Amino acid sequence: MSESDIYFEWQKLCDEHEAAKNAYSQAFSAVNQKFAAIARQNSRANPIDGEISEFETTWDTLEDVKQRMKRFVKTYS
């Protein structure tokens, strides 16, 4: 693989990581806000199944990207 190919692949991983991190942040925020409201006794509404599912999915996606980045670094360092 040429240096430009390596750079291109790394950039793709970085873009994926940024997108996954942003998606996870949004999903986490939705769940966290509901639990924080419960803790402050402002609400009794737990996160709904869809919010929990989105939280789990985005976490798994972020972890997958991080593992692929780790393998990439080991391969090309």
PDB file of N, CA and C in Angstrom:
ATOM      1  N   MET A   1       0.850  -1.161   0.000  1.00  0.00           N
ATOM      2  CA  MET A   1       0.000   0.000   0.000  1.00  0.00           C
ATOM      3  C   MET A   1       0.909   1.242   0.000  1.00  0.00           C
ATOM      4  N   SER A   2       0.608   2.178  -0.874  1.00  0.00           N
ATOM      5  CA  SER A   2       1.428   3.395  -0.967  1.00  0.00           C
ATOM      6  C   SER A   2       1.128   4.335   0.205  1.00  0.00           C
ATOM      7  N   GLU A   3       2.000   5.302   0.406  1.00  0.00           N
ATOM      8  CA  GLU A   3       1.787   6.275   1.484  1.00  0.00           C
ATOM      9  C   GLU A   3       0.480   7.030   1.306  1.00  0.00           C
ATOM     10  N   SER A   4       0.154   7.379   0.078  1.00  0.00           N
ATOM     11  CA  SER A   4      -1.105   8.100  -0.145  1.00  0.00           C
ATOM     12  C   SER A   4      -2.315   7.204   0.140  1.00  0.00           C
ATOM     13  N   ASP A   5      -2.199   5.904  -0.155  1.00  0.00           N
ATOM     14  CA  ASP A   5      -3.273   4.966   0.171  1.00  0.00           C
ATOM     15  C   ASP A   5      -3.436   4.841   1.685  1.00  0.00           C
ATOM     16  N   ILE A   6      -2.313   4.768   2.377  1.00  0.00           N
ATOM     17  CA  ILE A   6      -2.345   4.677   3.837  1.00  0.00           C
ATOM     18  C   ILE A   6      -2.997   5.931   4.417  1.00  0.00           C
ATOM     19  N   TYR A   7      -2.587   7.082   3.919  1.00  0.00           N
ATOM     20  CA  TYR A   7      -3.174   8.334   4.403  1.00  0.00           C
ATOM     21  C   TYR A   7      -4.681   8.358   4.148  1.00  0.00           C
ATOM     22  N   PHE A   8      -5.086   7.960   2.947  1.00  0.00           N
ATOM     23  CA  PHE A   8      -6.500   7.955   2.590  1.00  0.00           C
ATOM     24  C   PHE A   8      -7.292   7.037   3.521  1.00  0.00           C
ATOM     25  N   GLU A   9      -6.784   5.843   3.770  1.00  0.00           N
ATOM     26  CA  GLU A   9      -7.467   4.897   4.661  1.00  0.00           C
ATOM     27  C   GLU A   9      -7.533   5.436   6.092  1.00  0.00           C
ATOM     28  N   TRP A  10      -6.447   6.053   6.551  1.00  0.00           N
ATOM     29  CA  TRP A  10      -6.442   6.627   7.895  1.00  0.00           C
ATOM     30  C   TRP A  10      -7.462   7.765   7.990  1.00  0.00           C
ATOM     31  N   GLN A  11      -7.514   8.583   6.960  1.00  0.00           N
ATOM     32  CA  GLN A  11      -8.472   9.693   6.967  1.00  0.00           C
ATOM     33  C   GLN A  11      -9.906   9.178   7.004  1.00  0.00           C
ATOM     34  N   LYS A  12     -10.187   8.104   6.267  1.00  0.00           N
ATOM     35  CA  LYS A  12     -11.515   7.493   6.307  1.00  0.00           C
ATOM     36  C   LYS A  12     -11.851   7.032   7.725  1.00  0.00           C
ATOM     37  N   LEU A  13     -10.876   6.402   8.393  1.00  0.00           N
ATOM     38  CA  LEU A  13     -11.104   5.960   9.767  1.00  0.00           C
ATOM     39  C   LEU A  13     -11.340   7.151  10.699  1.00  0.00           C
ATOM     40  N   CYS A  14     -10.589   8.215  10.503  1.00  0.00           N
ATOM     41  CA  CYS A  14     -10.770   9.412  11.333  1.00  0.00           C
ATOM     42  C   CYS A  14     -12.156  10.015  11.120  1.00  0.00           C
ATOM     43  N   ASP A  15     -12.604  10.042   9.883  1.00  0.00           N
ATOM     44  CA  ASP A  15     -13.949  10.554   9.594  1.00  0.00           C
ATOM     45  C   ASP A  15     -15.025   9.668  10.223  1.00  0.00           C
ATOM     46  N   GLU A  16     -14.828   8.358  10.133  1.00  0.00           N
ATOM     47  CA  GLU A  16     -15.763   7.423  10.768  1.00  0.00           C
ATOM     48  C   GLU A  16     -15.786   7.617  12.273  1.00  0.00           C
ATOM     49  N   HIS A  17     -14.608   7.804  12.853  1.00  0.00           N
ATOM     50  CA  HIS A  17     -14.509   7.999  14.294  1.00  0.00           C
ATOM     51  C   HIS A  17     -15.251   9.258  14.719  1.00  0.00           C
ATOM     52  N   GLU A  18     -15.063  10.327  13.986  1.00  0.00           N
ATOM     53  CA  GLU A  18     -15.737  11.589  14.314  1.00  0.00           C
ATOM     54  C   GLU A  18     -17.249  11.433  14.240  1.00  0.00           C
ATOM     55  N   ALA A  19     -17.732  10.788  13.195  1.00  0.00           N
ATOM     56  CA  ALA A  19     -19.172  10.571  13.038  1.00  0.00           C
ATOM     57  C   ALA A  19     -19.714   9.677  14.153  1.00  0.00           C
ATOM     58  N   ALA A  20     -18.985   8.611  14.470  1.00  0.00           N
ATOM     59  CA  ALA A  20     -19.416   7.693  15.528  1.00  0.00           C
ATOM     60  C   ALA A  20     -19.403   8.378  16.886  1.00  0.00           C
ATOM     61  N   LYS A  21     -18.392   9.193  17.127  1.00  0.00           N
ATOM     62  CA  LYS A  21     -18.292   9.922  18.393  1.00  0.00           C
ATOM     63  C   LYS A  21     -19.451  10.907  18.544  1.00  0.00           C
ATOM     64  N   ASN A  22     -19.796  11.597  17.464  1.00  0.00           N
ATOM     65  CA  ASN A  22     -20.909  12.547  17.509  1.00  0.00           C
ATOM     66  C   ASN A  22     -22.243  11.832  17.730  1.00  0.00           C
ATOM     67  N   ALA A  23     -22.450  10.718  17.051  1.00  0.00           N
ATOM     68  CA  ALA A  23     -23.688   9.952  17.221  1.00  0.00           C
ATOM     69  C   ALA A  23     -23.801   9.433  18.649  1.00  0.00           C
ATOM     70  N   TYR A  24     -22.696   8.921  19.185  1.00  0.00           N
ATOM     71  CA  TYR A  24     -22.710   8.425  20.560  1.00  0.00           C
ATOM     72  C   TYR A  24     -22.998   9.562  21.541  1.00  0.00           C
ATOM     73  N   SER A  25     -22.392  10.696  21.317  1.00  0.00           N
ATOM     74  CA  SER A  25     -22.595  11.841  22.203  1.00  0.00           C
ATOM     75  C   SER A  25     -24.063  12.244  22.257  1.00  0.00           C
ATOM     76  N   GLN A  26     -24.719  12.257  21.110  1.00  0.00           N
ATOM     77  CA  GLN A  26     -26.139  12.603  21.072  1.00  0.00           C
ATOM     78  C   GLN A  26     -26.989  11.552  21.789  1.00  0.00           C
ATOM     79  N   ALA A  27     -26.686  10.289  21.545  1.00  0.00           N
ATOM     80  CA  ALA A  27     -27.446   9.211  22.185  1.00  0.00           C
ATOM     81  C   ALA A  27     -27.226   9.214  23.695  1.00  0.00           C
ATOM     82  N   PHE A  28     -25.987   9.431  24.112  1.00  0.00           N
ATOM     83  CA  PHE A  28     -25.671   9.499  25.534  1.00  0.00           C
ATOM     84  C   PHE A  28     -26.400  10.663  26.183  1.00  0.00           C
ATOM     85  N   SER A  29     -26.417  11.796  25.517  1.00  0.00           N
ATOM     86  CA  SER A  29     -27.062  12.980  26.066  1.00  0.00           C
ATOM     87  C   SER A  29     -28.542  12.740  26.340  1.00  0.00           C
ATOM     88  N   ALA A  30     -29.220  12.082  25.411  1.00  0.00           N
ATOM     89  CA  ALA A  30     -30.648  11.810  25.582  1.00  0.00           C
ATOM     90  C   ALA A  30     -30.897  10.944  26.818  1.00  0.00           C
ATOM     91  N   VAL A  31     -30.092   9.911  26.988  1.00  0.00           N
ATOM     92  CA  VAL A  31     -30.246   9.007  28.130  1.00  0.00           C
ATOM     93  C   VAL A  31     -29.824   9.713  29.421  1.00  0.00           C
ATOM     94  N   ASN A  32     -28.715  10.401  29.377  1.00  0.00           N
ATOM     95  CA  ASN A  32     -28.187  11.077  30.552  1.00  0.00           C
ATOM     96  C   ASN A  32     -29.149  12.145  31.075  1.00  0.00           C
ATOM     97  N   GLN A  33     -29.767  12.885  30.176  1.00  0.00           N
ATOM     98  CA  GLN A  33     -30.698  13.934  30.601  1.00  0.00           C
ATOM     99  C   GLN A  33     -31.875  13.360  31.375  1.00  0.00           C
ATOM    100  N   LYS A  34     -32.359  12.217  30.947  1.00  0.00           N
ATOM    101  CA  LYS A  34     -33.490  11.605  31.660  1.00  0.00           C
ATOM    102  C   LYS A  34     -33.076  11.114  33.043  1.00  0.00           C
ATOM    103  N   PHE A  35     -31.915  10.470  33.137  1.00  0.00           N
ATOM    104  CA  PHE A  35     -31.456  10.006  34.447  1.00  0.00           C
ATOM    105  C   PHE A  35     -31.120  11.188  35.361  1.00  0.00           C
ATOM    106  N   ALA A  36     -30.558  12.241  34.805  1.00  0.00           N
ATOM    107  CA  ALA A  36     -30.240  13.431  35.608  1.00  0.00           C
ATOM    108  C   ALA A  36     -31.518  14.072  36.131  1.00  0.00           C
ATOM    109  N   ALA A  37     -32.563  14.122  35.316  1.00  0.00           N
ATOM    110  CA  ALA A  37     -33.840  14.688  35.755  1.00  0.00           C
ATOM    111  C   ALA A  37     -34.439  13.855  36.882  1.00  0.00           C
ATOM    112  N   ILE A  38     -34.287  12.551  36.802  1.00  0.00           N
ATOM    113  CA  ILE A  38     -34.764  11.678  37.879  1.00  0.00           C
ATOM    114  C   ILE A  38     -33.979  11.965  39.160  1.00  0.00           C
ATOM    115  N   ALA A  39     -32.668  12.086  39.030  1.00  0.00           N
ATOM    116  CA  ALA A  39     -31.824  12.346  40.201  1.00  0.00           C
ATOM    117  C   ALA A  39     -32.171  13.689  40.849  1.00  0.00           C
ATOM    118  N   ARG A  40     -32.517  14.670  40.034  1.00  0.00           N
ATOM    119  CA  ARG A  40     -32.900  15.993  40.564  1.00  0.00           C
ATOM    120  C   ARG A  40     -34.354  16.015  41.009  1.00  0.00           C
ATOM    121  N   GLN A  41     -35.038  14.913  40.846  1.00  0.00           N
ATOM    122  CA  GLN A  41     -36.453  14.766  41.166  1.00  0.00           C
ATOM    123  C   GLN A  41     -37.329  15.717  40.355  1.00  0.00           C
ATOM    124  N   ASN A  42     -36.892  16.002  39.124  1.00  0.00           N
ATOM    125  CA  ASN A  42     -37.673  16.823  38.203  1.00  0.00           C
ATOM    126  C   ASN A  42     -38.561  15.971  37.307  1.00  0.00           C
ATOM    127  N   SER A  43     -38.288  14.685  37.261  1.00  0.00           N
ATOM    128  CA  SER A  43     -39.025  13.789  36.370  1.00  0.00           C
ATOM    129  C   SER A  43     -38.930  12.375  36.918  1.00  0.00           C
ATOM    130  N   ARG A  44     -39.853  11.552  36.473  1.00  0.00           N
ATOM    131  CA  ARG A  44     -39.804  10.138  36.818  1.00  0.00           C
ATOM    132  C   ARG A  44     -39.717   9.285  35.560  1.00  0.00           C
ATOM    133  N   ALA A  45     -39.509   9.933  34.424  1.00  0.00           N
ATOM    134  CA  ALA A  45     -39.494   9.231  33.140  1.00  0.00           C
ATOM    135  C   ALA A  45     -38.116   8.645  32.849  1.00  0.00           C
ATOM    136  N   ASN A  46     -38.073   7.337  32.749  1.00  0.00           N
ATOM    137  CA  ASN A  46     -36.849   6.655  32.353  1.00  0.00           C
ATOM    138  C   ASN A  46     -36.658   6.789  30.843  1.00  0.00           C
ATOM    139  N   PRO A  47     -35.426   6.575  30.383  1.00  0.00           N
ATOM    140  CA  PRO A  47     -35.219   6.547  28.929  1.00  0.00           C
ATOM    141  C   PRO A  47     -36.085   5.450  28.312  1.00  0.00           C
ATOM    142  N   ILE A  48     -36.595   5.724  27.121  1.00  0.00           N
ATOM    143  CA  ILE A  48     -37.424   4.723  26.439  1.00  0.00           C
ATOM    144  C   ILE A  48     -36.516   3.703  25.750  1.00  0.00           C
ATOM    145  N   ASP A  49     -37.111   2.588  25.361  1.00  0.00           N
ATOM    146  CA  ASP A  49     -36.341   1.503  24.745  1.00  0.00           C
ATOM    147  C   ASP A  49     -35.544   1.972  23.536  1.00  0.00           C
ATOM    148  N   GLY A  50     -36.134   2.819  22.705  1.00  0.00           N
ATOM    149  CA  GLY A  50     -35.434   3.317  21.527  1.00  0.00           C
ATOM    150  C   GLY A  50     -34.198   4.125  21.884  1.00  0.00           C
ATOM    151  N   GLU A  51     -34.286   4.910  22.955  1.00  0.00           N
ATOM    152  CA  GLU A  51     -33.127   5.700  23.394  1.00  0.00           C
ATOM    153  C   GLU A  51     -32.017   4.797  23.923  1.00  0.00           C
ATOM    154  N   ILE A  52     -32.402   3.799  24.682  1.00  0.00           N
ATOM    155  CA  ILE A  52     -31.419   2.848  25.204  1.00  0.00           C
ATOM    156  C   ILE A  52     -30.784   2.069  24.056  1.00  0.00           C
ATOM    157  N   SER A  53     -31.591   1.633  23.117  1.00  0.00           N
ATOM    158  CA  SER A  53     -31.083   0.896  21.962  1.00  0.00           C
ATOM    159  C   SER A  53     -30.110   1.754  21.153  1.00  0.00           C
ATOM    160  N   GLU A  54     -30.457   3.007  20.923  1.00  0.00           N
ATOM    161  CA  GLU A  54     -29.587   3.917  20.177  1.00  0.00           C
ATOM    162  C   GLU A  54     -28.270   4.124  20.931  1.00  0.00           C
ATOM    163  N   PHE A  55     -28.361   4.275  22.241  1.00  0.00           N
ATOM    164  CA  PHE A  55     -27.174   4.422  23.086  1.00  0.00           C
ATOM    165  C   PHE A  55     -26.242   3.213  22.924  1.00  0.00           C
ATOM    166  N   GLU A  56     -26.813   2.016  23.002  1.00  0.00           N
ATOM    167  CA  GLU A  56     -26.016   0.794  22.873  1.00  0.00           C
ATOM    168  C   GLU A  56     -25.421   0.644  21.473  1.00  0.00           C
ATOM    169  N   THR A  57     -26.219   0.928  20.465  1.00  0.00           N
ATOM    170  CA  THR A  57     -25.755   0.797  19.082  1.00  0.00           C
ATOM    171  C   THR A  57     -24.618   1.766  18.785  1.00  0.00           C
ATOM    172  N   THR A  58     -24.784   3.014  19.209  1.00  0.00           N
ATOM    173  CA  THR A  58     -23.741   4.001  18.934  1.00  0.00           C
ATOM    174  C   THR A  58     -22.477   3.700  19.714  1.00  0.00           C
ATOM    175  N   TRP A  59     -22.618   3.156  20.917  1.00  0.00           N
ATOM    176  CA  TRP A  59     -21.441   2.759  21.704  1.00  0.00           C
ATOM    177  C   TRP A  59     -20.692   1.642  20.977  1.00  0.00           C
ATOM    178  N   ASP A  60     -21.421   0.636  20.524  1.00  0.00           N
ATOM    179  CA  ASP A  60     -20.801  -0.485  19.808  1.00  0.00           C
ATOM    180  C   ASP A  60     -20.105  -0.013  18.530  1.00  0.00           C
ATOM    181  N   THR A  61     -20.733   0.897  17.822  1.00  0.00           N
ATOM    182  CA  THR A  61     -20.139   1.434  16.592  1.00  0.00           C
ATOM    183  C   THR A  61     -18.852   2.184  16.898  1.00  0.00           C
ATOM    184  N   LEU A  62     -18.873   3.012  17.919  1.00  0.00           N
ATOM    185  CA  LEU A  62     -17.676   3.763  18.306  1.00  0.00           C
ATOM    186  C   LEU A  62     -16.557   2.812  18.711  1.00  0.00           C
ATOM    187  N   GLU A  63     -16.872   1.800  19.477  1.00  0.00           N
ATOM    188  CA  GLU A  63     -15.863   0.832  19.893  1.00  0.00           C
ATOM    189  C   GLU A  63     -15.284   0.076  18.691  1.00  0.00           C
ATOM    190  N   ASP A  64     -16.125  -0.259  17.732  1.00  0.00           N
ATOM    191  CA  ASP A  64     -15.669  -0.937  16.522  1.00  0.00           C
ATOM    192  C   ASP A  64     -14.665  -0.067  15.761  1.00  0.00           C
ATOM    193  N   VAL A  65     -14.987   1.198  15.590  1.00  0.00           N
ATOM    194  CA  VAL A  65     -14.081   2.103  14.877  1.00  0.00           C
ATOM    195  C   VAL A  65     -12.758   2.223  15.631  1.00  0.00           C
ATOM    196  N   LYS A  66     -12.825   2.327  16.947  1.00  0.00           N
ATOM    197  CA  LYS A  66     -11.589   2.444  17.731  1.00  0.00           C
ATOM    198  C   LYS A  66     -10.711   1.195  17.587  1.00  0.00           C
ATOM    199  N   GLN A  67     -11.330   0.034  17.550  1.00  0.00           N
ATOM    200  CA  GLN A  67     -10.567  -1.199  17.378  1.00  0.00           C
ATOM    201  C   GLN A  67      -9.928  -1.267  15.995  1.00  0.00           C
ATOM    202  N   ARG A  68     -10.672  -0.834  14.978  1.00  0.00           N
ATOM    203  CA  ARG A  68     -10.108  -0.831  13.629  1.00  0.00           C
ATOM    204  C   ARG A  68      -8.963   0.174  13.524  1.00  0.00           C
ATOM    205  N   MET A  69      -9.059   1.300  14.215  1.00  0.00           N
ATOM    206  CA  MET A  69      -7.966   2.284  14.225  1.00  0.00           C
ATOM    207  C   MET A  69      -6.732   1.695  14.913  1.00  0.00           C
ATOM    208  N   LYS A  70      -6.984   0.991  15.989  1.00  0.00           N
ATOM    209  CA  LYS A  70      -5.883   0.361  16.729  1.00  0.00           C
ATOM    210  C   LYS A  70      -5.152  -0.657  15.847  1.00  0.00           C
ATOM    211  N   ARG A  71      -5.914  -1.491  15.138  1.00  0.00           N
ATOM    212  CA  ARG A  71      -5.296  -2.463  14.232  1.00  0.00           C
ATOM    213  C   ARG A  71      -4.536  -1.768  13.102  1.00  0.00           C
ATOM    214  N   PHE A  72      -5.090  -0.682  12.594  1.00  0.00           N
ATOM    215  CA  PHE A  72      -4.438   0.068  11.528  1.00  0.00           C
ATOM    216  C   PHE A  72      -3.086   0.597  11.998  1.00  0.00           C
ATOM    217  N   VAL A  73      -3.068   1.173  13.184  1.00  0.00           N
ATOM    218  CA  VAL A  73      -1.830   1.719  13.731  1.00  0.00           C
ATOM    219  C   VAL A  73      -0.795   0.605  13.896  1.00  0.00           C
ATOM    220  N   LYS A  74      -1.212  -0.529  14.426  1.00  0.00           N
ATOM    221  CA  LYS A  74      -0.270  -1.645  14.583  1.00  0.00           C
ATOM    222  C   LYS A  74       0.254  -2.139  13.246  1.00  0.00           C
ATOM    223  N   THR A  75      -0.593  -2.140  12.248  1.00  0.00           N
ATOM    224  CA  THR A  75      -0.196  -2.628  10.926  1.00  0.00           C
ATOM    225  C   THR A  75       0.786  -1.678  10.239  1.00  0.00           C
ATOM    226  N   TYR A  76       0.539  -0.402  10.333  1.00  0.00           N
ATOM    227  CA  TYR A  76       1.320   0.549   9.536  1.00  0.00           C
ATOM    228  C   TYR A  76       2.332   1.367  10.338  1.00  0.00           C
ATOM    229  N   SER A  77       2.586   0.980  11.562  1.00  0.00           N
ATOM    230  CA  SER A  77       3.621   1.684  12.361  1.00  0.00           C
ATOM    231  C   SER A  77       4.938   0.963  12.267  1.00  0.00           C
TER     232      SER A  77
END
